[in-house]
């Protein structure tokens, strides 16, 4: 009985040891790049347009420049169109709520941006300011318009349309002066 058990263990050990022998295979180097927006490119003359796919609703419009930096590699883009020898690149990122136009120089540095979005979720401090200055009014639509040099926005404005019964009101808000009363009302 002891020899039978010992023989079975020896056979099992040999099979397991034999099963673990591997042949070493040499793999060739593979280059992997991450360019999630490349599949959505549209070339219109000398400008390029990307259709943005957001992970969640409002991701692009809440900070369009940060979204562009996280999802777009201008250096790879320039390398792809190297033969065309452009002096600058105008790239427009589009979503269902609006767009961001970014102008890059031939080295890939961001020169200027402009953006326009409609019917977006307003930032909390803008919503509070709007509510405090216009109690009883209902927001029917809004637009966010911004432009700047590089990744710094020089001009920003929220244009909001309000209604209360038969009355209508247009309000402009500058997000940089929200702490003070900087609401322009056009009735």
N, C-alpha and C. Protein backbone atom coordinates (compact mmCIF):
# COMPACT_ATOMS: atom_id res chain seq x y z
N UNK A 1 0.82 -1.18 0.00
CA UNK A 1 0.00 0.00 0.00
C UNK A 1 0.87 1.25 0.00
N UNK A 2 1.96 1.21 0.81
CA UNK A 2 2.85 2.35 0.85
C UNK A 2 3.49 2.58 -0.52
N UNK A 3 3.87 1.54 -1.18
CA UNK A 3 4.50 1.70 -2.49
C UNK A 3 3.51 2.24 -3.51
N UNK A 4 2.25 1.87 -3.42
CA UNK A 4 1.23 2.38 -4.34
C UNK A 4 1.05 3.88 -4.15
N UNK A 5 0.92 4.33 -2.92
CA UNK A 5 0.75 5.76 -2.63
C UNK A 5 2.00 6.52 -3.05
N UNK A 6 3.16 5.96 -2.72
CA UNK A 6 4.41 6.61 -3.09
C UNK A 6 4.55 6.69 -4.61
N UNK A 7 4.17 5.66 -5.33
CA UNK A 7 4.24 5.64 -6.79
C UNK A 7 3.29 6.67 -7.40
N UNK A 8 2.07 6.78 -6.83
CA UNK A 8 1.11 7.77 -7.33
C UNK A 8 1.62 9.19 -7.09
N UNK A 9 2.21 9.46 -5.94
CA UNK A 9 2.77 10.79 -5.67
C UNK A 9 3.92 11.10 -6.61
N UNK A 10 4.77 10.13 -6.87
CA UNK A 10 5.89 10.31 -7.77
C UNK A 10 5.40 10.60 -9.20
N UNK A 11 4.39 9.89 -9.65
CA UNK A 11 3.83 10.11 -10.99
C UNK A 11 3.17 11.49 -11.06
N UNK A 12 2.40 11.87 -10.04
CA UNK A 12 1.74 13.18 -10.00
C UNK A 12 2.78 14.29 -10.01
N UNK A 13 3.84 14.15 -9.22
CA UNK A 13 4.90 15.15 -9.18
C UNK A 13 5.60 15.29 -10.51
N UNK A 14 5.84 14.18 -11.18
CA UNK A 14 6.49 14.20 -12.49
C UNK A 14 5.60 14.90 -13.51
N UNK A 15 4.29 14.62 -13.48
CA UNK A 15 3.37 15.24 -14.43
C UNK A 15 3.27 16.74 -14.21
N UNK A 16 3.19 17.14 -12.93
CA UNK A 16 3.10 18.57 -12.63
C UNK A 16 4.38 19.26 -13.05
N UNK A 17 5.51 18.67 -12.75
CA UNK A 17 6.80 19.26 -13.14
C UNK A 17 6.94 19.35 -14.64
N UNK A 18 6.48 18.34 -15.35
CA UNK A 18 6.56 18.34 -16.81
C UNK A 18 5.61 19.38 -17.41
N UNK A 19 4.45 19.56 -16.79
CA UNK A 19 3.46 20.51 -17.29
C UNK A 19 3.94 21.95 -17.12
N UNK A 20 4.83 22.20 -16.15
CA UNK A 20 5.28 23.56 -15.91
C UNK A 20 6.46 23.96 -16.78
N UNK A 21 7.04 23.05 -17.52
CA UNK A 21 8.11 23.41 -18.43
C UNK A 21 7.52 24.24 -19.56
N UNK A 22 8.20 25.35 -19.88
CA UNK A 22 7.68 26.26 -20.91
C UNK A 22 8.74 26.49 -21.96
N UNK A 23 8.28 26.81 -23.12
CA UNK A 23 9.19 27.21 -24.17
C UNK A 23 9.24 28.73 -24.14
N UNK A 24 10.42 29.31 -24.12
CA UNK A 24 10.57 30.76 -24.06
C UNK A 24 10.42 31.31 -25.47
N UNK A 25 9.50 32.27 -25.60
CA UNK A 25 9.23 32.88 -26.89
C UNK A 25 9.67 34.34 -26.84
N UNK A 26 10.42 34.77 -27.81
CA UNK A 26 10.88 36.16 -27.89
C UNK A 26 9.83 36.97 -28.65
N UNK A 27 9.29 38.03 -28.00
CA UNK A 27 8.30 38.89 -28.64
C UNK A 27 8.98 40.14 -29.18
N UNK A 28 8.48 40.63 -30.30
CA UNK A 28 9.02 41.86 -30.86
C UNK A 28 8.37 43.05 -30.19
N UNK A 29 9.07 44.19 -30.20
CA UNK A 29 8.60 45.41 -29.58
C UNK A 29 7.36 45.92 -30.32
N UNK A 30 6.38 46.36 -29.54
CA UNK A 30 5.17 46.93 -30.12
C UNK A 30 5.00 48.34 -29.59
N UNK A 31 4.66 49.27 -30.48
CA UNK A 31 4.44 50.65 -30.06
C UNK A 31 2.95 50.84 -29.85
N UNK A 32 2.62 51.41 -28.69
CA UNK A 32 1.23 51.64 -28.34
C UNK A 32 1.07 53.13 -28.07
N UNK A 33 0.08 53.74 -28.68
CA UNK A 33 -0.18 55.16 -28.46
C UNK A 33 -1.61 55.34 -27.98
N UNK A 34 -1.84 56.43 -27.26
CA UNK A 34 -3.17 56.73 -26.76
C UNK A 34 -3.66 58.00 -27.43
N UNK A 35 -4.63 57.88 -28.30
CA UNK A 35 -5.22 59.01 -28.99
C UNK A 35 -6.72 58.77 -29.12
N UNK A 36 -7.49 59.01 -28.04
CA UNK A 36 -8.91 58.68 -28.07
C UNK A 36 -9.74 59.48 -29.05
N UNK A 37 -9.26 60.66 -29.47
CA UNK A 37 -10.07 61.49 -30.35
C UNK A 37 -9.77 61.28 -31.83
N UNK A 38 -8.68 60.57 -32.16
CA UNK A 38 -8.26 60.44 -33.55
C UNK A 38 -9.33 59.84 -34.46
N UNK A 39 -10.17 58.98 -33.96
CA UNK A 39 -11.17 58.32 -34.79
C UNK A 39 -12.27 59.29 -35.22
N UNK A 40 -12.40 60.42 -34.57
CA UNK A 40 -13.49 61.35 -34.85
C UNK A 40 -13.05 62.60 -35.59
N UNK A 41 -11.92 62.56 -36.28
CA UNK A 41 -11.39 63.75 -36.95
C UNK A 41 -12.09 63.98 -38.29
N UNK A 42 -12.35 65.25 -38.57
CA UNK A 42 -12.89 65.66 -39.86
C UNK A 42 -12.03 66.82 -40.34
N UNK A 43 -11.55 66.72 -41.54
CA UNK A 43 -10.72 67.79 -42.10
C UNK A 43 -11.58 68.62 -43.04
N UNK A 44 -11.63 69.92 -42.77
CA UNK A 44 -12.40 70.85 -43.60
C UNK A 44 -11.41 71.92 -44.08
N UNK A 45 -10.94 71.77 -45.30
CA UNK A 45 -9.92 72.69 -45.83
C UNK A 45 -8.65 72.58 -45.02
N UNK A 46 -8.26 73.70 -44.42
CA UNK A 46 -7.06 73.71 -43.59
C UNK A 46 -7.36 73.65 -42.11
N UNK A 47 -8.59 73.41 -41.74
CA UNK A 47 -8.94 73.29 -40.31
C UNK A 47 -9.39 71.87 -40.01
N UNK A 48 -9.32 71.51 -38.75
CA UNK A 48 -9.64 70.16 -38.31
C UNK A 48 -10.71 70.22 -37.24
N UNK A 49 -11.63 69.28 -37.28
CA UNK A 49 -12.74 69.26 -36.33
C UNK A 49 -12.83 67.88 -35.68
N UNK A 50 -13.02 67.87 -34.36
CA UNK A 50 -13.17 66.63 -33.61
C UNK A 50 -14.54 66.60 -32.96
N UNK A 51 -15.20 65.47 -33.04
CA UNK A 51 -16.45 65.27 -32.32
C UNK A 51 -16.09 64.62 -30.99
N UNK A 52 -16.42 65.29 -29.92
CA UNK A 52 -16.02 64.87 -28.58
C UNK A 52 -17.00 63.84 -28.02
N UNK A 53 -16.47 62.80 -27.41
CA UNK A 53 -17.29 61.82 -26.69
C UNK A 53 -16.97 61.95 -25.21
N UNK A 54 -17.97 62.38 -24.45
CA UNK A 54 -17.79 62.60 -23.02
C UNK A 54 -18.03 61.33 -22.23
N UNK A 55 -17.31 61.20 -21.12
CA UNK A 55 -17.53 60.08 -20.21
C UNK A 55 -18.85 60.27 -19.47
N UNK A 56 -19.14 61.52 -19.11
CA UNK A 56 -20.41 61.86 -18.47
C UNK A 56 -20.91 63.18 -19.05
N UNK A 57 -22.18 63.42 -18.95
CA UNK A 57 -22.78 64.61 -19.53
C UNK A 57 -22.20 65.87 -18.88
N UNK A 58 -21.73 66.80 -19.69
CA UNK A 58 -21.18 68.05 -19.19
C UNK A 58 -19.69 68.02 -18.92
N UNK A 59 -19.04 66.90 -19.12
CA UNK A 59 -17.60 66.78 -18.85
C UNK A 59 -16.80 67.79 -19.70
N UNK A 60 -17.13 67.90 -20.96
CA UNK A 60 -16.40 68.78 -21.87
C UNK A 60 -16.70 70.24 -21.57
N UNK A 61 -17.96 70.59 -21.37
CA UNK A 61 -18.33 71.99 -21.19
C UNK A 61 -17.91 72.57 -19.84
N UNK A 62 -17.70 71.74 -18.82
CA UNK A 62 -17.33 72.29 -17.51
C UNK A 62 -15.90 72.82 -17.49
N UNK A 63 -15.00 72.26 -18.29
CA UNK A 63 -13.66 72.81 -18.45
C UNK A 63 -13.10 72.28 -19.77
N UNK A 64 -13.42 72.98 -20.84
CA UNK A 64 -13.09 72.52 -22.19
C UNK A 64 -11.59 72.45 -22.43
N UNK A 65 -10.84 73.41 -21.91
CA UNK A 65 -9.39 73.42 -22.14
C UNK A 65 -8.72 72.24 -21.42
N UNK A 66 -9.13 71.96 -20.19
CA UNK A 66 -8.58 70.81 -19.46
C UNK A 66 -8.96 69.51 -20.16
N UNK A 67 -10.18 69.42 -20.68
CA UNK A 67 -10.61 68.24 -21.43
C UNK A 67 -9.74 68.04 -22.67
N UNK A 68 -9.48 69.13 -23.37
CA UNK A 68 -8.65 69.06 -24.57
C UNK A 68 -7.24 68.58 -24.22
N UNK A 69 -6.66 69.13 -23.16
CA UNK A 69 -5.31 68.74 -22.74
C UNK A 69 -5.24 67.27 -22.34
N UNK A 70 -6.30 66.76 -21.72
CA UNK A 70 -6.31 65.37 -21.27
C UNK A 70 -6.56 64.39 -22.40
N UNK A 71 -7.22 64.81 -23.47
CA UNK A 71 -7.65 63.88 -24.51
C UNK A 71 -7.06 64.13 -25.90
N UNK A 72 -6.18 65.10 -26.02
CA UNK A 72 -5.66 65.44 -27.34
C UNK A 72 -4.16 65.69 -27.23
N UNK A 73 -3.38 65.02 -28.07
CA UNK A 73 -1.93 65.18 -28.10
C UNK A 73 -1.56 65.93 -29.37
N UNK A 74 -1.28 67.22 -29.24
CA UNK A 74 -0.97 68.05 -30.41
C UNK A 74 0.33 67.62 -31.08
N UNK A 75 1.29 67.13 -30.32
CA UNK A 75 2.58 66.70 -30.89
C UNK A 75 2.38 65.53 -31.86
N UNK A 76 1.58 64.54 -31.47
CA UNK A 76 1.27 63.42 -32.37
C UNK A 76 0.47 63.89 -33.57
N UNK A 77 -0.41 64.84 -33.34
CA UNK A 77 -1.24 65.39 -34.41
C UNK A 77 -0.36 66.07 -35.45
N UNK A 78 0.59 66.90 -35.01
CA UNK A 78 1.49 67.60 -35.92
C UNK A 78 2.36 66.60 -36.68
N UNK A 79 2.83 65.58 -35.97
CA UNK A 79 3.65 64.55 -36.62
C UNK A 79 2.88 63.83 -37.73
N UNK A 80 1.58 63.64 -37.53
CA UNK A 80 0.76 62.96 -38.53
C UNK A 80 0.61 63.79 -39.80
N UNK A 81 0.60 65.13 -39.66
CA UNK A 81 0.44 66.02 -40.81
C UNK A 81 1.74 66.76 -41.12
N UNK A 82 2.86 66.14 -40.82
CA UNK A 82 4.18 66.77 -40.98
C UNK A 82 4.47 67.19 -42.42
N UNK A 83 4.03 66.41 -43.37
CA UNK A 83 4.29 66.71 -44.78
C UNK A 83 3.58 67.95 -45.28
N UNK A 84 2.51 68.36 -44.62
CA UNK A 84 1.73 69.52 -45.06
C UNK A 84 2.38 70.85 -44.69
N UNK A 85 3.27 70.87 -43.70
CA UNK A 85 4.02 72.06 -43.28
C UNK A 85 3.13 73.27 -43.00
N UNK A 86 2.19 73.11 -42.10
CA UNK A 86 1.34 74.23 -41.69
C UNK A 86 2.11 75.15 -40.75
N UNK A 87 1.80 76.45 -40.78
CA UNK A 87 2.42 77.38 -39.84
C UNK A 87 1.62 77.44 -38.54
N UNK A 88 0.35 77.05 -38.60
CA UNK A 88 -0.48 76.96 -37.39
C UNK A 88 -1.58 75.92 -37.64
N UNK A 89 -2.20 75.50 -36.55
CA UNK A 89 -3.24 74.47 -36.62
C UNK A 89 -4.48 74.98 -35.88
N UNK A 90 -5.60 75.06 -36.56
CA UNK A 90 -6.86 75.42 -35.93
C UNK A 90 -7.66 74.14 -35.76
N UNK A 91 -7.86 73.76 -34.50
CA UNK A 91 -8.57 72.52 -34.19
C UNK A 91 -9.83 72.90 -33.41
N UNK A 92 -10.98 72.39 -33.87
CA UNK A 92 -12.25 72.67 -33.21
C UNK A 92 -12.78 71.38 -32.60
N UNK A 93 -13.09 71.43 -31.31
CA UNK A 93 -13.65 70.30 -30.58
C UNK A 93 -15.14 70.57 -30.41
N UNK A 94 -15.98 69.64 -30.88
CA UNK A 94 -17.43 69.87 -30.86
C UNK A 94 -18.14 68.84 -30.00
N UNK A 95 -19.16 69.32 -29.30
CA UNK A 95 -20.08 68.43 -28.57
C UNK A 95 -21.49 68.90 -28.88
N UNK A 96 -22.47 68.23 -28.33
CA UNK A 96 -23.86 68.61 -28.59
C UNK A 96 -24.21 69.96 -27.94
N UNK A 97 -23.43 70.39 -26.95
CA UNK A 97 -23.71 71.64 -26.25
C UNK A 97 -22.92 72.83 -26.78
N UNK A 98 -21.87 72.59 -27.57
CA UNK A 98 -21.08 73.71 -28.06
C UNK A 98 -19.74 73.28 -28.59
N UNK A 99 -18.79 74.22 -28.59
CA UNK A 99 -17.49 73.93 -29.18
C UNK A 99 -16.36 74.69 -28.49
N UNK A 100 -15.15 74.22 -28.72
CA UNK A 100 -13.91 74.90 -28.33
C UNK A 100 -13.04 74.95 -29.57
N UNK A 101 -12.61 76.14 -29.97
CA UNK A 101 -11.67 76.29 -31.07
C UNK A 101 -10.31 76.63 -30.47
N UNK A 102 -9.31 75.85 -30.83
CA UNK A 102 -7.96 76.05 -30.30
C UNK A 102 -7.00 76.27 -31.45
N UNK A 103 -6.21 77.33 -31.36
CA UNK A 103 -5.23 77.67 -32.38
C UNK A 103 -3.84 77.35 -31.83
N UNK A 104 -3.13 76.43 -32.49
CA UNK A 104 -1.79 76.03 -32.09
C UNK A 104 -0.79 76.55 -33.12
N UNK A 105 0.42 76.94 -32.67
CA UNK A 105 1.46 77.32 -33.62
C UNK A 105 2.13 76.07 -34.19
N UNK A 106 3.11 76.24 -35.06
CA UNK A 106 3.75 75.10 -35.73
C UNK A 106 4.54 74.21 -34.76
N UNK A 107 4.85 74.71 -33.57
CA UNK A 107 5.57 73.92 -32.56
C UNK A 107 4.62 73.18 -31.62
N UNK A 108 3.33 73.44 -31.73
CA UNK A 108 2.36 72.77 -30.89
C UNK A 108 1.98 73.53 -29.63
N UNK A 109 2.38 74.79 -29.54
CA UNK A 109 2.02 75.60 -28.38
C UNK A 109 0.64 76.22 -28.61
N UNK A 110 -0.17 76.21 -27.57
CA UNK A 110 -1.51 76.78 -27.64
C UNK A 110 -1.41 78.30 -27.69
N UNK A 111 -1.90 78.92 -28.77
CA UNK A 111 -1.80 80.36 -28.95
C UNK A 111 -3.04 81.05 -28.41
N UNK A 112 -4.21 80.59 -28.85
CA UNK A 112 -5.46 81.21 -28.37
C UNK A 112 -6.60 80.21 -28.45
N UNK A 113 -7.64 80.50 -27.69
CA UNK A 113 -8.83 79.65 -27.68
C UNK A 113 -10.08 80.52 -27.69
N UNK A 114 -11.15 79.94 -28.19
CA UNK A 114 -12.47 80.55 -28.06
C UNK A 114 -13.46 79.40 -27.88
N UNK A 115 -14.46 79.66 -27.07
CA UNK A 115 -15.44 78.61 -26.81
C UNK A 115 -16.82 79.20 -26.63
N UNK A 116 -17.81 78.40 -27.00
CA UNK A 116 -19.20 78.82 -26.87
C UNK A 116 -20.04 77.58 -26.58
N UNK A 117 -20.80 77.64 -25.50
CA UNK A 117 -21.68 76.54 -25.11
C UNK A 117 -23.06 77.09 -24.79
N UNK A 118 -24.09 76.27 -25.02
CA UNK A 118 -25.45 76.70 -24.71
C UNK A 118 -26.14 75.67 -23.83
N UNK A 119 -27.02 76.16 -23.00
CA UNK A 119 -27.84 75.34 -22.11
C UNK A 119 -27.01 74.33 -21.32
N UNK A 120 -26.02 74.85 -20.60
CA UNK A 120 -25.15 74.02 -19.78
C UNK A 120 -25.53 74.20 -18.31
N UNK A 121 -25.02 73.33 -17.47
CA UNK A 121 -25.20 73.48 -16.03
C UNK A 121 -24.26 74.59 -15.58
N UNK A 122 -24.82 75.63 -14.98
CA UNK A 122 -24.01 76.74 -14.53
C UNK A 122 -23.22 76.36 -13.28
N UNK A 123 -22.01 76.92 -13.11
CA UNK A 123 -21.25 76.66 -11.88
C UNK A 123 -22.04 77.13 -10.65
N UNK A 124 -21.78 76.51 -9.53
CA UNK A 124 -22.55 76.77 -8.31
C UNK A 124 -22.56 78.24 -7.92
N UNK A 125 -21.42 78.91 -7.92
CA UNK A 125 -21.39 80.32 -7.51
C UNK A 125 -22.16 81.21 -8.48
N UNK A 126 -22.17 80.87 -9.75
CA UNK A 126 -22.96 81.62 -10.74
C UNK A 126 -24.45 81.40 -10.49
N UNK A 127 -24.84 80.15 -10.21
CA UNK A 127 -26.25 79.86 -9.92
C UNK A 127 -26.71 80.62 -8.68
N UNK A 128 -25.89 80.63 -7.65
CA UNK A 128 -26.26 81.35 -6.41
C UNK A 128 -26.43 82.84 -6.66
N UNK A 129 -25.49 83.44 -7.38
CA UNK A 129 -25.55 84.86 -7.69
C UNK A 129 -26.81 85.17 -8.51
N UNK A 130 -27.09 84.32 -9.49
CA UNK A 130 -28.26 84.51 -10.34
C UNK A 130 -29.55 84.41 -9.53
N UNK A 131 -29.61 83.44 -8.64
CA UNK A 131 -30.80 83.25 -7.81
C UNK A 131 -31.00 84.43 -6.86
N UNK A 132 -29.93 84.85 -6.20
CA UNK A 132 -30.04 85.94 -5.22
C UNK A 132 -30.46 87.25 -5.88
N UNK A 133 -29.99 87.52 -7.09
CA UNK A 133 -30.32 88.76 -7.78
C UNK A 133 -31.66 88.69 -8.52
N UNK A 134 -32.21 87.48 -8.72
CA UNK A 134 -33.43 87.34 -9.53
C UNK A 134 -34.40 86.34 -8.90
N UNK A 135 -34.76 86.54 -7.66
CA UNK A 135 -35.68 85.62 -6.98
C UNK A 135 -37.03 85.64 -7.67
N UNK A 136 -37.58 84.43 -7.88
CA UNK A 136 -38.88 84.30 -8.52
C UNK A 136 -38.82 84.12 -10.02
N UNK A 137 -37.67 84.35 -10.62
CA UNK A 137 -37.50 84.21 -12.05
C UNK A 137 -37.05 82.79 -12.39
N UNK A 138 -37.40 82.33 -13.60
CA UNK A 138 -37.03 81.00 -14.07
C UNK A 138 -36.07 81.13 -15.25
N UNK A 139 -34.96 80.39 -15.20
CA UNK A 139 -34.01 80.41 -16.31
C UNK A 139 -34.57 79.55 -17.45
N UNK A 140 -34.64 80.13 -18.65
CA UNK A 140 -35.14 79.39 -19.81
C UNK A 140 -34.01 78.92 -20.72
N UNK A 141 -32.91 79.65 -20.76
CA UNK A 141 -31.75 79.24 -21.55
C UNK A 141 -30.53 80.01 -21.09
N UNK A 142 -29.35 79.49 -21.47
CA UNK A 142 -28.12 80.19 -21.14
C UNK A 142 -27.06 79.92 -22.19
N UNK A 143 -26.08 80.82 -22.25
CA UNK A 143 -24.93 80.67 -23.14
C UNK A 143 -23.68 81.03 -22.36
N UNK A 144 -22.61 80.30 -22.63
CA UNK A 144 -21.31 80.60 -22.05
C UNK A 144 -20.37 80.91 -23.20
N UNK A 145 -19.76 82.08 -23.17
CA UNK A 145 -18.86 82.51 -24.22
C UNK A 145 -17.55 82.93 -23.56
N UNK A 146 -16.43 82.38 -24.07
CA UNK A 146 -15.12 82.70 -23.49
C UNK A 146 -14.05 82.68 -24.57
N UNK A 147 -13.00 83.46 -24.32
CA UNK A 147 -11.84 83.47 -25.22
C UNK A 147 -10.62 83.85 -24.41
N UNK A 148 -9.46 83.50 -24.95
CA UNK A 148 -8.25 83.85 -24.24
C UNK A 148 -7.00 83.50 -25.02
N UNK A 149 -5.88 83.85 -24.43
CA UNK A 149 -4.57 83.55 -25.02
C UNK A 149 -3.97 82.38 -24.26
N UNK A 150 -3.43 81.42 -25.00
CA UNK A 150 -2.89 80.22 -24.35
C UNK A 150 -4.02 79.48 -23.66
N UNK A 151 -3.75 78.98 -22.47
CA UNK A 151 -4.80 78.28 -21.73
C UNK A 151 -5.44 79.16 -20.66
N UNK A 152 -5.18 80.48 -20.72
CA UNK A 152 -5.77 81.43 -19.77
C UNK A 152 -6.92 82.16 -20.46
N UNK A 153 -8.08 82.16 -19.84
CA UNK A 153 -9.24 82.84 -20.40
C UNK A 153 -9.22 84.31 -20.02
N UNK A 154 -9.22 85.20 -21.03
CA UNK A 154 -9.22 86.64 -20.78
C UNK A 154 -10.64 87.19 -20.67
N UNK A 155 -11.54 86.66 -21.45
CA UNK A 155 -12.93 87.13 -21.47
C UNK A 155 -13.86 85.96 -21.24
N UNK A 156 -14.75 86.10 -20.27
CA UNK A 156 -15.77 85.08 -19.99
C UNK A 156 -17.07 85.78 -19.68
N UNK A 157 -18.16 85.24 -20.19
CA UNK A 157 -19.47 85.79 -19.86
C UNK A 157 -20.53 84.69 -19.97
N UNK A 158 -21.47 84.74 -19.05
CA UNK A 158 -22.66 83.88 -19.10
C UNK A 158 -23.83 84.78 -19.47
N UNK A 159 -24.54 84.42 -20.53
CA UNK A 159 -25.74 85.14 -20.93
C UNK A 159 -26.92 84.25 -20.60
N UNK A 160 -27.81 84.75 -19.75
CA UNK A 160 -28.92 83.95 -19.24
C UNK A 160 -30.24 84.63 -19.58
N UNK A 161 -31.19 83.86 -20.08
CA UNK A 161 -32.54 84.37 -20.33
C UNK A 161 -33.44 83.89 -19.21
N UNK A 162 -34.18 84.83 -18.64
CA UNK A 162 -35.08 84.53 -17.52
C UNK A 162 -36.50 84.92 -17.88
N UNK A 163 -37.46 84.22 -17.28
CA UNK A 163 -38.87 84.55 -17.46
C UNK A 163 -39.58 84.47 -16.12
N UNK A 164 -40.58 85.35 -15.97
CA UNK A 164 -41.48 85.28 -14.82
C UNK A 164 -42.84 85.75 -15.34
N UNK A 165 -43.71 84.77 -15.57
CA UNK A 165 -45.01 85.08 -16.16
C UNK A 165 -44.82 85.57 -17.59
N UNK A 166 -45.33 86.79 -17.87
CA UNK A 166 -45.17 87.38 -19.21
C UNK A 166 -43.91 88.20 -19.33
N UNK A 167 -43.21 88.41 -18.25
CA UNK A 167 -42.00 89.23 -18.28
C UNK A 167 -40.79 88.39 -18.68
N UNK A 168 -39.89 89.04 -19.42
CA UNK A 168 -38.64 88.39 -19.83
C UNK A 168 -37.48 89.29 -19.45
N UNK A 169 -36.37 88.65 -19.16
CA UNK A 169 -35.18 89.39 -18.73
C UNK A 169 -33.93 88.69 -19.26
N UNK A 170 -32.96 89.47 -19.74
CA UNK A 170 -31.66 88.95 -20.16
C UNK A 170 -30.62 89.41 -19.14
N UNK A 171 -29.80 88.48 -18.68
CA UNK A 171 -28.81 88.78 -17.65
C UNK A 171 -27.43 88.35 -18.16
N UNK A 172 -26.44 89.21 -17.94
CA UNK A 172 -25.05 88.86 -18.25
C UNK A 172 -24.29 88.78 -16.94
N UNK A 173 -23.54 87.68 -16.79
CA UNK A 173 -22.74 87.48 -15.58
C UNK A 173 -21.28 87.27 -15.95
N UNK A 174 -20.40 87.98 -15.27
CA UNK A 174 -18.96 87.78 -15.44
C UNK A 174 -18.49 86.91 -14.28
N UNK A 175 -18.03 85.67 -14.56
CA UNK A 175 -17.67 84.76 -13.47
C UNK A 175 -16.50 85.24 -12.61
N UNK A 176 -15.67 86.14 -13.12
CA UNK A 176 -14.53 86.63 -12.33
C UNK A 176 -14.96 87.64 -11.28
N UNK A 177 -16.14 88.21 -11.42
CA UNK A 177 -16.58 89.21 -10.44
C UNK A 177 -17.88 88.75 -9.77
N UNK A 178 -18.06 87.47 -9.59
CA UNK A 178 -19.28 86.95 -9.02
C UNK A 178 -19.42 87.29 -7.55
N UNK A 179 -18.31 87.41 -6.82
CA UNK A 179 -18.40 87.71 -5.39
C UNK A 179 -19.05 89.06 -5.15
N UNK A 180 -18.80 90.03 -6.05
CA UNK A 180 -19.48 91.31 -5.96
C UNK A 180 -20.70 91.25 -6.85
N UNK A 181 -21.51 92.29 -6.78
CA UNK A 181 -22.69 92.33 -7.66
C UNK A 181 -22.24 92.87 -9.01
N UNK A 182 -22.13 91.98 -9.98
CA UNK A 182 -21.71 92.36 -11.34
C UNK A 182 -22.72 91.81 -12.34
N UNK A 183 -23.96 91.99 -12.03
CA UNK A 183 -25.02 91.45 -12.88
C UNK A 183 -25.56 92.58 -13.75
N UNK A 184 -25.54 92.40 -15.06
CA UNK A 184 -26.12 93.38 -15.98
C UNK A 184 -27.47 92.83 -16.41
N UNK A 185 -28.50 93.63 -16.19
CA UNK A 185 -29.86 93.18 -16.51
C UNK A 185 -30.42 94.02 -17.64
N UNK A 186 -31.01 93.36 -18.61
CA UNK A 186 -31.64 94.02 -19.74
C UNK A 186 -33.09 93.55 -19.77
N UNK A 187 -34.01 94.40 -19.39
CA UNK A 187 -35.42 94.00 -19.35
C UNK A 187 -36.13 94.40 -20.59
